[in-house]
Amino acid sequence: MKVWIDQDLCTGDGLCEEIAPDIFFGQDDGLYYVKESAVHFGEDKAFDGVANPAGADGMARLPDSQVEAAIEAAEECPGECIFIEIEA
């Protein structure tokens, strides 16, 4: 599974990071982004040495152990900006 955030819809509440800090994090712009952590995949996914880019371009893989947390974060998100996709 993969997850991404539509920053145009993000309200900056940070509930996603509270629920799943291994997946979501806030930036200086007050919005939240997804990450692929070295803890799960052996290396951090970064672009230009910083966080994942915005929108679907910042899509990250979800480790099996974090799927339920990502779903909960998506359900609780007031901006309804978290999208989870199933890999074919």
PDB file of N, CA and C in Angstrom:
ATOM      1  N   MET A   1       0.841  -1.178   0.000  1.00  0.00           N
ATOM      2  CA  MET A   1       0.000   0.000   0.000  1.00  0.00           C
ATOM      3  C   MET A   1       0.885   1.240   0.000  1.00  0.00           C
ATOM      4  N   LYS A   2       0.302   2.311  -0.519  1.00  0.00           N
ATOM      5  CA  LYS A   2       1.009   3.594  -0.541  1.00  0.00           C
ATOM      6  C   LYS A   2       0.088   4.684  -0.001  1.00  0.00           C
ATOM      7  N   VAL A   3       0.695   5.767   0.470  1.00  0.00           N
ATOM      8  CA  VAL A   3      -0.066   6.873   1.042  1.00  0.00           C
ATOM      9  C   VAL A   3       0.512   8.194   0.553  1.00  0.00           C
ATOM     10  N   TRP A   4      -0.371   9.187   0.399  1.00  0.00           N
ATOM     11  CA  TRP A   4       0.070  10.538   0.059  1.00  0.00           C
ATOM     12  C   TRP A   4      -0.929  11.535   0.630  1.00  0.00           C
ATOM     13  N   ILE A   5      -0.500  12.792   0.709  1.00  0.00           N
ATOM     14  CA  ILE A   5      -1.340  13.872   1.237  1.00  0.00           C
ATOM     15  C   ILE A   5      -1.505  14.936   0.165  1.00  0.00           C
ATOM     16  N   ASP A   6      -2.738  15.393   0.000  1.00  0.00           N
ATOM     17  CA  ASP A   6      -3.020  16.525  -0.882  1.00  0.00           C
ATOM     18  C   ASP A   6      -2.884  17.785  -0.021  1.00  0.00           C
ATOM     19  N   GLN A   7      -1.760  18.485  -0.157  1.00  0.00           N
ATOM     20  CA  GLN A   7      -1.504  19.658   0.683  1.00  0.00           C
ATOM     21  C   GLN A   7      -2.499  20.792   0.426  1.00  0.00           C
ATOM     22  N   ASP A   8      -3.170  20.807  -0.705  1.00  0.00           N
ATOM     23  CA  ASP A   8      -4.200  21.821  -0.959  1.00  0.00           C
ATOM     24  C   ASP A   8      -5.392  21.651  -0.017  1.00  0.00           C
ATOM     25  N   LEU A   9      -5.579  20.440   0.493  1.00  0.00           N
ATOM     26  CA  LEU A   9      -6.683  20.159   1.416  1.00  0.00           C
ATOM     27  C   LEU A   9      -6.240  20.121   2.874  1.00  0.00           C
ATOM     28  N   CYS A  10      -4.952  20.054   3.114  1.00  0.00           N
ATOM     29  CA  CYS A  10      -4.417  19.920   4.469  1.00  0.00           C
ATOM     30  C   CYS A  10      -4.754  21.153   5.304  1.00  0.00           C
ATOM     31  N   THR A  11      -5.289  20.921   6.496  1.00  0.00           N
ATOM     32  CA  THR A  11      -5.642  22.009   7.407  1.00  0.00           C
ATOM     33  C   THR A  11      -4.545  22.282   8.435  1.00  0.00           C
ATOM     34  N   GLY A  12      -3.508  21.447   8.464  1.00  0.00           N
ATOM     35  CA  GLY A  12      -2.384  21.665   9.367  1.00  0.00           C
ATOM     36  C   GLY A  12      -2.661  21.314  10.817  1.00  0.00           C
ATOM     37  N   ASP A  13      -3.695  20.531  11.075  1.00  0.00           N
ATOM     38  CA  ASP A  13      -4.034  20.165  12.451  1.00  0.00           C
ATOM     39  C   ASP A  13      -3.028  19.213  13.089  1.00  0.00           C
ATOM     40  N   GLY A  14      -2.380  18.395  12.307  1.00  0.00           N
ATOM     41  CA  GLY A  14      -1.354  17.499  12.830  1.00  0.00           C
ATOM     42  C   GLY A  14      -1.859  16.229  13.459  1.00  0.00           C
ATOM     43  N   LEU A  15      -3.148  15.930  13.324  1.00  0.00           N
ATOM     44  CA  LEU A  15      -3.666  14.684  13.889  1.00  0.00           C
ATOM     45  C   LEU A  15      -2.985  13.475  13.265  1.00  0.00           C
ATOM     46  N   CYS A  16      -2.656  13.578  11.990  1.00  0.00           N
ATOM     47  CA  CYS A  16      -2.001  12.451  11.309  1.00  0.00           C
ATOM     48  C   CYS A  16      -0.672  12.120  11.982  1.00  0.00           C
ATOM     49  N   GLU A  17       0.110  13.139  12.303  1.00  0.00           N
ATOM     50  CA  GLU A  17       1.402  12.900  12.941  1.00  0.00           C
ATOM     51  C   GLU A  17       1.234  12.357  14.357  1.00  0.00           C
ATOM     52  N   GLU A  18       0.209  12.808  15.056  1.00  0.00           N
ATOM     53  CA  GLU A  18      -0.059  12.277  16.401  1.00  0.00           C
ATOM     54  C   GLU A  18      -0.410  10.796  16.337  1.00  0.00           C
ATOM     55  N   ILE A  19      -1.179  10.411  15.338  1.00  0.00           N
ATOM     56  CA  ILE A  19      -1.635   9.023  15.202  1.00  0.00           C
ATOM     57  C   ILE A  19      -0.534   8.133  14.638  1.00  0.00           C
ATOM     58  N   ALA A  20       0.195   8.632  13.642  1.00  0.00           N
ATOM     59  CA  ALA A  20       1.188   7.798  12.950  1.00  0.00           C
ATOM     60  C   ALA A  20       2.472   8.589  12.668  1.00  0.00           C
ATOM     61  N   PRO A  21       3.279   8.848  13.691  1.00  0.00           N
ATOM     62  CA  PRO A  21       4.491   9.648  13.500  1.00  0.00           C
ATOM     63  C   PRO A  21       5.545   8.984  12.615  1.00  0.00           C
ATOM     64  N   ASP A  22       5.448   7.677  12.405  1.00  0.00           N
ATOM     65  CA  ASP A  22       6.388   7.009  11.501  1.00  0.00           C
ATOM     66  C   ASP A  22       6.057   7.280  10.041  1.00  0.00           C
ATOM     67  N   ILE A  23       4.870   7.834   9.781  1.00  0.00           N
ATOM     68  CA  ILE A  23       4.422   8.049   8.407  1.00  0.00           C
ATOM     69  C   ILE A  23       4.288   9.527   8.067  1.00  0.00           C
ATOM     70  N   PHE A  24       3.787  10.329   8.989  1.00  0.00           N
ATOM     71  CA  PHE A  24       3.458  11.720   8.705  1.00  0.00           C
ATOM     72  C   PHE A  24       4.321  12.676   9.524  1.00  0.00           C
ATOM     73  N   PHE A  25       4.618  13.840   8.963  1.00  0.00           N
ATOM     74  CA  PHE A  25       5.377  14.851   9.687  1.00  0.00           C
ATOM     75  C   PHE A  25       5.026  16.228   9.145  1.00  0.00           C
ATOM     76  N   GLY A  26       5.161  17.237   9.997  1.00  0.00           N
ATOM     77  CA  GLY A  26       4.882  18.612   9.607  1.00  0.00           C
ATOM     78  C   GLY A  26       6.143  19.313   9.133  1.00  0.00           C
ATOM     79  N   GLN A  27       5.932  20.313   8.288  1.00  0.00           N
ATOM     80  CA  GLN A  27       7.035  21.123   7.778  1.00  0.00           C
ATOM     81  C   GLN A  27       6.836  22.569   8.220  1.00  0.00           C
ATOM     82  N   ASP A  28       7.816  23.392   7.917  1.00  0.00           N
ATOM     83  CA  ASP A  28       7.766  24.808   8.286  1.00  0.00           C
ATOM     84  C   ASP A  28       6.599  25.547   7.642  1.00  0.00           C
ATOM     85  N   ASP A  29       6.060  25.011   6.550  1.00  0.00           N
ATOM     86  CA  ASP A  29       4.940  25.668   5.877  1.00  0.00           C
ATOM     87  C   ASP A  29       3.606  25.415   6.587  1.00  0.00           C
ATOM     88  N   GLY A  30       3.638  24.646   7.698  1.00  0.00           N
ATOM     89  CA  GLY A  30       2.425  24.369   8.472  1.00  0.00           C
ATOM     90  C   GLY A  30       1.601  23.225   7.923  1.00  0.00           C
ATOM     91  N   LEU A  31       2.090  22.566   6.884  1.00  0.00           N
ATOM     92  CA  LEU A  31       1.371  21.453   6.275  1.00  0.00           C
ATOM     93  C   LEU A  31       2.070  20.144   6.604  1.00  0.00           C
ATOM     94  N   TYR A  32       1.372  19.050   6.336  1.00  0.00           N
ATOM     95  CA  TYR A  32       1.895  17.726   6.653  1.00  0.00           C
ATOM     96  C   TYR A  32       2.195  16.945   5.390  1.00  0.00           C
ATOM     97  N   TYR A  33       3.180  16.059   5.517  1.00  0.00           N
ATOM     98  CA  TYR A  33       3.700  15.285   4.401  1.00  0.00           C
ATOM     99  C   TYR A  33       3.895  13.848   4.860  1.00  0.00           C
ATOM    100  N   VAL A  34       4.119  12.940   3.906  1.00  0.00           N
ATOM    101  CA  VAL A  34       4.396  11.542   4.236  1.00  0.00           C
ATOM    102  C   VAL A  34       5.877  11.276   4.056  1.00  0.00           C
ATOM    103  N   LYS A  35       6.333  10.203   4.692  1.00  0.00           N
ATOM    104  CA  LYS A  35       7.740   9.841   4.570  1.00  0.00           C
ATOM    105  C   LYS A  35       7.879   8.331   4.482  1.00  0.00           C
ATOM    106  N   GLU A  36       8.956   7.916   3.842  1.00  0.00           N
ATOM    107  CA  GLU A  36       9.381   6.521   3.876  1.00  0.00           C
ATOM    108  C   GLU A  36      10.576   6.490   4.793  1.00  0.00           C
ATOM    109  N   SER A  37      10.448   5.806   5.876  1.00  0.00           N
ATOM    110  CA  SER A  37      11.480   5.818   6.899  1.00  0.00           C
ATOM    111  C   SER A  37      12.494   4.692   6.725  1.00  0.00           C
ATOM    112  N   ALA A  38      13.736   4.982   7.038  1.00  0.00           N
ATOM    113  CA  ALA A  38      14.785   3.973   7.000  1.00  0.00           C
ATOM    114  C   ALA A  38      14.476   2.826   7.945  1.00  0.00           C
ATOM    115  N   VAL A  39      13.740   3.110   9.007  1.00  0.00           N
ATOM    116  CA  VAL A  39      13.361   2.073   9.967  1.00  0.00           C
ATOM    117  C   VAL A  39      12.601   0.946   9.272  1.00  0.00           C
ATOM    118  N   HIS A  40      11.796   1.282   8.269  1.00  0.00           N
ATOM    119  CA  HIS A  40      10.974   0.283   7.596  1.00  0.00           C
ATOM    120  C   HIS A  40      11.568  -0.208   6.279  1.00  0.00           C
ATOM    121  N   PHE A  41      12.294   0.659   5.572  1.00  0.00           N
ATOM    122  CA  PHE A  41      12.719   0.305   4.221  1.00  0.00           C
ATOM    123  C   PHE A  41      14.228   0.373   3.993  1.00  0.00           C
ATOM    124  N   GLY A  42      15.026   0.574   5.049  1.00  0.00           N
ATOM    125  CA  GLY A  42      16.470   0.559   4.913  1.00  0.00           C
ATOM    126  C   GLY A  42      17.103   1.888   4.555  1.00  0.00           C
ATOM    127  N   GLU A  43      16.322   2.804   4.026  1.00  0.00           N
ATOM    128  CA  GLU A  43      16.833   4.152   3.749  1.00  0.00           C
ATOM    129  C   GLU A  43      15.659   5.114   3.728  1.00  0.00           C
ATOM    130  N   ASP A  44      15.951   6.364   4.064  1.00  0.00           N
ATOM    131  CA  ASP A  44      14.922   7.392   4.024  1.00  0.00           C
ATOM    132  C   ASP A  44      14.686   7.809   2.584  1.00  0.00           C
ATOM    133  N   LYS A  45      13.431   8.020   2.243  1.00  0.00           N
ATOM    134  CA  LYS A  45      13.098   8.556   0.926  1.00  0.00           C
ATOM    135  C   LYS A  45      13.063  10.066   1.069  1.00  0.00           C
ATOM    136  N   ALA A  46      13.965  10.734   0.372  1.00  0.00           N
ATOM    137  CA  ALA A  46      14.019  12.194   0.436  1.00  0.00           C
ATOM    138  C   ALA A  46      14.280  12.742  -0.958  1.00  0.00           C
ATOM    139  N   PHE A  47      13.879  13.954  -1.178  1.00  0.00           N
ATOM    140  CA  PHE A  47      14.070  14.619  -2.447  1.00  0.00           C
ATOM    141  C   PHE A  47      14.830  15.909  -2.175  1.00  0.00           C
ATOM    142  N   ASP A  48      15.940  16.078  -2.843  1.00  0.00           N
ATOM    143  CA  ASP A  48      16.780  17.257  -2.652  1.00  0.00           C
ATOM    144  C   ASP A  48      17.180  17.421  -1.183  1.00  0.00           C
ATOM    145  N   GLY A  49      17.337  16.304  -0.489  1.00  0.00           N
ATOM    146  CA  GLY A  49      17.774  16.346   0.897  1.00  0.00           C
ATOM    147  C   GLY A  49      16.717  16.794   1.885  1.00  0.00           C
ATOM    148  N   VAL A  50      15.490  16.986   1.427  1.00  0.00           N
ATOM    149  CA  VAL A  50      14.410  17.395   2.318  1.00  0.00           C
ATOM    150  C   VAL A  50      13.264  16.411   2.205  1.00  0.00           C
ATOM    151  N   ALA A  51      12.155  16.787   2.738  1.00  0.00           N
ATOM    152  CA  ALA A  51      10.990  15.913   2.796  1.00  0.00           C
ATOM    153  C   ALA A  51      10.451  15.577   1.419  1.00  0.00           C
ATOM    154  N   ASN A  52       9.588  14.601   1.411  1.00  0.00           N
ATOM    155  CA  ASN A  52       8.912  14.232   0.170  1.00  0.00           C
ATOM    156  C   ASN A  52       8.207  15.436  -0.423  1.00  0.00           C
ATOM    157  N   PRO A  53       8.100  15.477  -1.742  1.00  0.00           N
ATOM    158  CA  PRO A  53       7.375  16.583  -2.367  1.00  0.00           C
ATOM    159  C   PRO A  53       5.880  16.503  -2.061  1.00  0.00           C
ATOM    160  N   ALA A  54       5.181  17.538  -2.434  1.00  0.00           N
ATOM    161  CA  ALA A  54       3.745  17.619  -2.163  1.00  0.00           C
ATOM    162  C   ALA A  54       2.952  16.702  -3.088  1.00  0.00           C
ATOM    163  N   GLY A  55       1.732  16.425  -2.649  1.00  0.00           N
ATOM    164  CA  GLY A  55       0.778  15.681  -3.467  1.00  0.00           C
ATOM    165  C   GLY A  55       1.203  14.268  -3.774  1.00  0.00           C
ATOM    166  N   ALA A  56       0.658  13.743  -4.869  1.00  0.00           N
ATOM    167  CA  ALA A  56       0.921  12.361  -5.251  1.00  0.00           C
ATOM    168  C   ALA A  56       2.393  12.125  -5.584  1.00  0.00           C
ATOM    169  N   ASP A  57       3.139  13.181  -5.930  1.00  0.00           N
ATOM    170  CA  ASP A  57       4.570  13.030  -6.183  1.00  0.00           C
ATOM    171  C   ASP A  57       5.315  12.622  -4.921  1.00  0.00           C
ATOM    172  N   GLY A  58       4.729  12.866  -3.765  1.00  0.00           N
ATOM    173  CA  GLY A  58       5.332  12.511  -2.497  1.00  0.00           C
ATOM    174  C   GLY A  58       4.835  11.193  -1.935  1.00  0.00           C
ATOM    175  N   MET A  59       4.210  10.387  -2.774  1.00  0.00           N
ATOM    176  CA  MET A  59       3.655   9.111  -2.333  1.00  0.00           C
ATOM    177  C   MET A  59       4.744   8.246  -1.706  1.00  0.00           C
ATOM    178  N   ALA A  60       4.406   7.601  -0.603  1.00  0.00           N
ATOM    179  CA  ALA A  60       5.357   6.741   0.096  1.00  0.00           C
ATOM    180  C   ALA A  60       4.735   5.375   0.342  1.00  0.00           C
ATOM    181  N   ARG A  61       5.590   4.379   0.366  1.00  0.00           N
ATOM    182  CA  ARG A  61       5.123   3.024   0.682  1.00  0.00           C
ATOM    183  C   ARG A  61       4.785   2.929   2.162  1.00  0.00           C
ATOM    184  N   LEU A  62       3.789   2.111   2.456  1.00  0.00           N
ATOM    185  CA  LEU A  62       3.408   1.857   3.849  1.00  0.00           C
ATOM    186  C   LEU A  62       3.894   0.478   4.261  1.00  0.00           C
ATOM    187  N   PRO A  63       4.616   0.383   5.367  1.00  0.00           N
ATOM    188  CA  PRO A  63       4.942  -0.947   5.871  1.00  0.00           C
ATOM    189  C   PRO A  63       3.666  -1.583   6.428  1.00  0.00           C
ATOM    190  N   ASP A  64       3.585  -2.900   6.345  1.00  0.00           N
ATOM    191  CA  ASP A  64       2.390  -3.604   6.819  1.00  0.00           C
ATOM    192  C   ASP A  64       2.030  -3.223   8.251  1.00  0.00           C
ATOM    193  N   SER A  65       3.040  -2.987   9.075  1.00  0.00           N
ATOM    194  CA  SER A  65       2.797  -2.666  10.484  1.00  0.00           C
ATOM    195  C   SER A  65       2.162  -1.291  10.682  1.00  0.00           C
ATOM    196  N   GLN A  66       2.155  -0.446   9.647  1.00  0.00           N
ATOM    197  CA  GLN A  66       1.629   0.916   9.772  1.00  0.00           C
ATOM    198  C   GLN A  66       0.327   1.149   9.009  1.00  0.00           C
ATOM    199  N   VAL A  67      -0.199   0.118   8.357  1.00  0.00           N
ATOM    200  CA  VAL A  67      -1.414   0.274   7.550  1.00  0.00           C
ATOM    201  C   VAL A  67      -2.595   0.739   8.400  1.00  0.00           C
ATOM    202  N   GLU A  68      -2.818   0.087   9.534  1.00  0.00           N
ATOM    203  CA  GLU A  68      -3.962   0.454  10.383  1.00  0.00           C
ATOM    204  C   GLU A  68      -3.839   1.892  10.889  1.00  0.00           C
ATOM    205  N   ALA A  69      -2.637   2.306  11.264  1.00  0.00           N
ATOM    206  CA  ALA A  69      -2.432   3.676  11.738  1.00  0.00           C
ATOM    207  C   ALA A  69      -2.698   4.675  10.618  1.00  0.00           C
ATOM    208  N   ALA A  70      -2.271   4.360   9.397  1.00  0.00           N
ATOM    209  CA  ALA A  70      -2.510   5.255   8.259  1.00  0.00           C
ATOM    210  C   ALA A  70      -4.002   5.378   7.965  1.00  0.00           C
ATOM    211  N   ILE A  71      -4.713   4.280   8.047  1.00  0.00           N
ATOM    212  CA  ILE A  71      -6.167   4.304   7.821  1.00  0.00           C
ATOM    213  C   ILE A  71      -6.848   5.142   8.901  1.00  0.00           C
ATOM    214  N   GLU A  72      -6.434   4.957  10.149  1.00  0.00           N
ATOM    215  CA  GLU A  72      -7.022   5.751  11.239  1.00  0.00           C
ATOM    216  C   GLU A  72      -6.745   7.238  11.033  1.00  0.00           C
ATOM    217  N   ALA A  73      -5.519   7.570  10.641  1.00  0.00           N
ATOM    218  CA  ALA A  73      -5.171   8.974  10.392  1.00  0.00           C
ATOM    219  C   ALA A  73      -6.034   9.550   9.273  1.00  0.00           C
ATOM    220  N   ALA A  74      -6.247   8.784   8.214  1.00  0.00           N
ATOM    221  CA  ALA A  74      -7.078   9.249   7.100  1.00  0.00           C
ATOM    222  C   ALA A  74      -8.511   9.471   7.547  1.00  0.00           C
ATOM    223  N   GLU A  75      -9.019   8.572   8.379  1.00  0.00           N
ATOM    224  CA  GLU A  75     -10.398   8.700   8.869  1.00  0.00           C
ATOM    225  C   GLU A  75     -10.562   9.896   9.805  1.00  0.00           C
ATOM    226  N   GLU A  76      -9.544  10.213  10.589  1.00  0.00           N
ATOM    227  CA  GLU A  76      -9.623  11.301  11.568  1.00  0.00           C
ATOM    228  C   GLU A  76      -9.270  12.669  10.988  1.00  0.00           C
ATOM    229  N   CYS A  77      -8.665  12.697   9.829  1.00  0.00           N
ATOM    230  CA  CYS A  77      -8.181  13.940   9.235  1.00  0.00           C
ATOM    231  C   CYS A  77      -9.331  14.895   8.926  1.00  0.00           C
ATOM    232  N   PRO A  78      -9.331  16.102   9.518  1.00  0.00           N
ATOM    233  CA  PRO A  78     -10.424  17.046   9.269  1.00  0.00           C
ATOM    234  C   PRO A  78     -10.421  17.590   7.838  1.00  0.00           C
ATOM    235  N   GLY A  79      -9.270  17.582   7.187  1.00  0.00           N
ATOM    236  CA  GLY A  79      -9.198  18.081   5.815  1.00  0.00           C
ATOM    237  C   GLY A  79      -9.476  17.013   4.767  1.00  0.00           C
ATOM    238  N   GLU A  80      -9.607  15.764   5.215  1.00  0.00           N
ATOM    239  CA  GLU A  80      -9.816  14.626   4.318  1.00  0.00           C
ATOM    240  C   GLU A  80      -8.801  14.639   3.174  1.00  0.00           C
ATOM    241  N   CYS A  81      -7.541  14.850   3.544  1.00  0.00           N
ATOM    242  CA  CYS A  81      -6.493  15.025   2.537  1.00  0.00           C
ATOM    243  C   CYS A  81      -5.547  13.841   2.406  1.00  0.00           C
ATOM    244  N   ILE A  82      -5.754  12.789   3.191  1.00  0.00           N
ATOM    245  CA  ILE A  82      -4.867  11.624   3.161  1.00  0.00           C
ATOM    246  C   ILE A  82      -5.471  10.571   2.242  1.00  0.00           C
ATOM    247  N   PHE A  83      -4.662  10.138   1.285  1.00  0.00           N
ATOM    248  CA  PHE A  83      -5.122   9.153   0.311  1.00  0.00           C
ATOM    249  C   PHE A  83      -4.266   7.903   0.392  1.00  0.00           C
ATOM    250  N   ILE A  84      -4.930   6.757   0.462  1.00  0.00           N
ATOM    251  CA  ILE A  84      -4.240   5.460   0.561  1.00  0.00           C
ATOM    252  C   ILE A  84      -4.578   4.678  -0.700  1.00  0.00           C
ATOM    253  N   GLU A  85      -3.547   4.162  -1.338  1.00  0.00           N
ATOM    254  CA  GLU A  85      -3.728   3.414  -2.579  1.00  0.00           C
ATOM    255  C   GLU A  85      -3.188   2.006  -2.398  1.00  0.00           C
ATOM    256  N   ILE A  86      -3.904   1.063  -2.967  1.00  0.00           N
ATOM    257  CA  ILE A  86      -3.476  -0.331  -2.922  1.00  0.00           C
ATOM    258  C   ILE A  86      -2.665  -0.614  -4.174  1.00  0.00           C
ATOM    259  N   GLU A  87      -1.495  -1.192  -3.970  1.00  0.00           N
ATOM    260  CA  GLU A  87      -0.629  -1.514  -5.099  1.00  0.00           C
ATOM    261  C   GLU A  87      -1.192  -2.738  -5.809  1.00  0.00           C
ATOM    262  N   ALA A  88      -1.114  -2.694  -7.115  1.00  0.00           N
ATOM    263  CA  ALA A  88      -1.607  -3.829  -7.914  1.00  0.00           C
ATOM    264  C   ALA A  88      -0.536  -4.881  -8.070  1.00  0.00           C
TER     265      ALA A  88
END
